Amino acid sequence: RWNDCLNVVGFKAFFRCRYLETVSIPENVQAIDEWAFHGCNRLKEIRFRHVPEMGEWLTNRSTTWYCPRGSSIVSYCQAFGYPCHFLEIEMDGQDEAIWDCV
């Protein structure tokens, strides 16, 4: 669980963390510095419901990214070679459907 006051995930904050498998970035996080989750070999997916500022090489290429359709995260994933899927978020914010990007 993330602290509600957290607004930046710092440089190499979780670098080589062996225990992360899934990360959902909360909306209060406005920036993620480079290499924040890089080297986390068990990290299978990272989910975004919004678009924070992002540094370079946040994760390994084996991590699948989930993001809102039409967000700038899609081009970020293409630039760094990350697998990417769309999150289609229902109006109540509770239900999600996953679609392939590109």
Protein backbone atom coordinates (compact mmCIF):
# COMPACT_ATOMS: atom_id res chain seq x y z
CA ARG A 1 0.00 0.00 0.00
CA TRP A 2 1.25 3.49 -0.91
CA ASN A 3 1.29 6.44 1.47
CA ASP A 4 -1.29 9.05 0.39
CA CYS A 5 1.31 11.81 0.89
CA LEU A 6 3.78 10.24 -1.54
CA ASN A 7 4.04 12.26 -4.74
CA VAL A 8 7.43 11.20 -6.12
CA VAL A 9 8.97 7.75 -6.47
CA GLY A 10 12.66 8.58 -6.34
CA PHE A 11 15.70 7.51 -8.34
CA LYS A 12 16.24 3.73 -7.95
CA ALA A 13 13.63 3.65 -5.15
CA PHE A 14 12.88 -0.06 -5.64
CA PHE A 15 15.97 -0.94 -7.71
CA ARG A 16 16.54 -4.72 -7.69
CA CYS A 17 13.72 -5.33 -5.21
CA ARG A 18 13.17 -9.09 -5.34
CA TYR A 19 9.65 -9.17 -3.96
CA LEU A 20 7.60 -6.88 -6.19
CA GLU A 21 5.29 -8.70 -8.60
CA THR A 22 2.62 -6.10 -9.38
CA VAL A 23 2.61 -2.32 -8.93
CA SER A 24 -0.37 0.03 -9.27
CA ILE A 25 0.69 3.67 -9.30
CA PRO A 26 -1.78 5.77 -7.28
CA GLU A 27 -3.01 9.10 -8.63
CA ASN A 28 -1.20 11.10 -5.92
CA VAL A 29 2.15 10.05 -7.45
CA GLN A 30 3.01 12.85 -9.86
CA ALA A 31 6.54 11.77 -10.85
CA ILE A 32 8.59 8.59 -11.07
CA ASP A 33 12.33 9.06 -11.37
CA GLU A 34 14.53 6.93 -13.61
CA TRP A 35 15.33 3.33 -12.72
CA ALA A 36 12.69 3.36 -9.95
CA PHE A 37 11.64 -0.26 -10.55
CA HIS A 38 14.49 -1.46 -12.75
CA GLY A 39 16.11 -4.76 -11.83
CA CYS A 40 12.93 -6.05 -10.16
CA ASN A 41 13.04 -9.41 -11.90
CA ARG A 42 9.72 -10.68 -10.49
CA LEU A 43 7.81 -7.52 -11.46
CA LYS A 44 5.29 -8.75 -14.05
CA GLU A 45 3.06 -5.68 -14.40
CA ILE A 46 2.81 -2.00 -13.61
CA ARG A 47 -0.55 -0.20 -13.83
CA PHE A 48 -1.30 3.47 -14.36
CA ARG A 49 -4.72 5.14 -14.15
CA HIS A 50 -3.14 8.54 -14.81
CA VAL A 51 0.05 9.88 -16.42
CA PRO A 52 2.81 10.98 -14.04
CA GLU A 53 6.10 12.48 -15.21
CA MET A 54 8.49 9.59 -15.85
CA GLY A 55 12.25 9.21 -15.98
CA GLU A 56 14.05 6.72 -18.21
CA TRP A 57 14.12 2.93 -17.86
CA LEU A 58 11.59 2.59 -15.05
CA THR A 59 11.33 -1.20 -15.30
CA ASN A 60 12.86 -4.20 -17.01
CA ARG A 61 11.55 -4.93 -20.51
CA SER A 62 9.87 -8.08 -19.21
CA THR A 63 7.36 -5.97 -17.24
CA THR A 64 4.00 -5.40 -18.94
CA TRP A 65 2.62 -1.89 -18.65
CA TYR A 66 -1.11 -1.11 -18.38
CA CYS A 67 -2.25 2.44 -19.11
CA PRO A 68 -5.30 4.52 -20.13
CA ARG A 69 -6.09 4.52 -23.84
CA GLY A 70 -4.62 7.55 -25.62
CA SER A 71 -2.17 8.40 -22.85
CA SER A 72 1.43 9.41 -23.47
CA ILE A 73 2.50 6.24 -21.68
CA VAL A 74 1.88 4.34 -24.94
CA SER A 75 4.61 6.25 -26.78
CA TYR A 76 6.89 5.94 -23.73
CA CYS A 77 6.46 2.14 -23.88
CA GLN A 78 7.19 2.11 -27.60
CA ALA A 79 10.34 4.17 -27.09
CA PHE A 80 11.71 1.83 -24.41
CA GLY A 81 10.40 -1.45 -25.82
CA TYR A 82 7.96 -2.24 -23.00
CA PRO A 83 4.92 -4.46 -23.65
CA CYS A 84 1.85 -2.28 -23.23
CA HIS A 85 -1.89 -2.85 -22.86
CA PHE A 86 -4.78 -0.40 -22.46
CA LEU A 87 -6.84 -0.16 -19.31
CA GLU A 88 -10.43 0.71 -20.14
CA ILE A 89 -11.74 2.20 -16.92
CA GLU A 90 -15.49 2.20 -16.33
CA MET A 91 -17.21 5.38 -15.13
CA ASP A 92 -17.39 4.20 -11.52
CA GLY A 93 -13.66 3.45 -11.62
CA GLN A 94 -14.11 -0.08 -10.30
CA ASP A 95 -14.16 -2.24 -13.42
CA GLU A 96 -11.28 -2.56 -15.85
CA ALA A 97 -10.96 -4.25 -19.19
CA ILE A 98 -7.61 -4.86 -20.84
CA TRP A 99 -6.94 -4.24 -24.55
CA ASP A 100 -3.72 -4.62 -26.52
CA CYS A 101 -1.91 -1.40 -27.40
CA VAL A 102 -0.85 -0.92 -31.04
